[in-house]
């Protein structure tokens, strides 16, 4: 699978894509342009959100609690 690597023009279809360098942000592609977006802050429960931000989930393409999110997209 191909993911955006920075802000700018892309051939990818519209949608949300993981940032392979950080689980706390993701790319939104719209009309041929990719834009990096931060996941929302969360301070409800340190067990669900230990770093103060939601985590981008590869399967649902949404920001979720850290324990729910599939982060297999991260570069090693």
Protein backbone atom coordinates (compact mmCIF):
# COMPACT_ATOMS: atom_id res chain seq x y z
CA UNK A 1 0.00 0.00 0.00
CA UNK A 2 1.18 3.49 -0.78
CA UNK A 3 0.87 6.37 1.69
CA UNK A 4 1.59 10.10 1.42
CA UNK A 5 5.04 11.16 2.60
CA UNK A 6 4.38 14.87 2.96
CA UNK A 7 1.98 17.71 2.21
CA UNK A 8 1.34 18.32 -1.47
CA UNK A 9 0.02 16.80 -4.66
CA UNK A 10 -0.65 13.05 -4.79
CA UNK A 11 -2.23 10.46 -7.07
CA UNK A 12 -3.91 8.69 -4.13
CA UNK A 13 -7.70 8.64 -3.95
CA UNK A 14 -9.51 10.82 -1.42
CA UNK A 15 -9.39 9.48 2.12
CA UNK A 16 -7.39 9.30 5.34
CA UNK A 17 -3.93 7.73 5.33
CA UNK A 18 -1.46 6.97 8.12
CA UNK A 19 1.66 9.00 8.75
CA UNK A 20 4.27 6.23 8.85
CA UNK A 21 6.51 8.38 11.06
CA UNK A 22 4.00 9.16 13.85
CA UNK A 23 0.90 7.46 15.20
CA UNK A 24 -0.37 10.84 16.46
CA UNK A 25 -1.05 12.33 13.02
CA UNK A 26 -2.42 11.25 9.64
CA UNK A 27 -2.86 12.54 6.11
CA UNK A 28 -6.14 13.63 4.59
CA UNK A 29 -6.16 13.41 0.81
CA UNK A 30 -8.76 15.48 -1.00
CA UNK A 31 -8.91 16.32 -4.67
CA UNK A 32 -5.30 15.24 -5.32
CA UNK A 33 -3.73 17.06 -2.36
CA UNK A 34 -2.39 15.51 0.87
CA UNK A 35 -2.45 17.48 4.14
CA UNK A 36 -0.98 16.31 7.46
CA UNK A 37 -3.45 16.54 10.37
CA UNK A 38 -2.75 16.01 14.09
CA UNK A 39 -4.91 13.59 16.04
CA UNK A 40 -7.09 15.22 18.68
CA UNK A 41 -5.84 15.84 22.20
CA UNK A 42 -7.34 13.70 24.93
CA UNK A 43 -7.00 14.01 28.67
CA UNK A 44 -9.83 11.81 29.88
CA UNK A 45 -7.90 8.80 31.09
CA UNK A 46 -4.11 8.29 31.03
CA UNK A 47 -4.59 4.53 30.47
CA UNK A 48 -6.57 5.12 27.26
CA UNK A 49 -4.50 8.06 26.09
CA UNK A 50 -1.05 7.86 27.74
CA UNK A 51 0.63 10.48 25.53
CA UNK A 52 -2.25 13.00 25.55
CA UNK A 53 -3.32 12.37 21.93
CA UNK A 54 -5.56 9.87 20.19
CA UNK A 55 -3.82 7.33 17.93
CA UNK A 56 -4.52 6.84 14.20
CA UNK A 57 -5.94 3.38 13.43
CA UNK A 58 -5.02 1.75 10.11
CA UNK A 59 -8.22 -0.32 9.76
CA UNK A 60 -10.89 2.23 10.67
CA UNK A 61 -8.91 5.20 9.30
CA UNK A 62 -9.86 7.18 12.41
CA UNK A 63 -8.16 8.38 15.59
CA UNK A 64 -8.93 6.01 18.48
CA UNK A 65 -7.79 5.27 22.03
CA UNK A 66 -4.22 3.97 21.97
CA UNK A 67 -5.18 0.45 23.08
CA UNK A 68 -7.69 0.14 20.20
CA UNK A 69 -5.49 1.37 17.35
CA UNK A 70 -3.63 -0.80 14.82
CA UNK A 71 -0.29 0.96 14.31
CA UNK A 72 1.34 -1.70 12.13
CA UNK A 73 1.91 1.02 9.50
CA UNK A 74 4.68 2.68 11.56
CA UNK A 75 8.20 2.46 10.13
CA UNK A 76 10.55 0.44 12.30
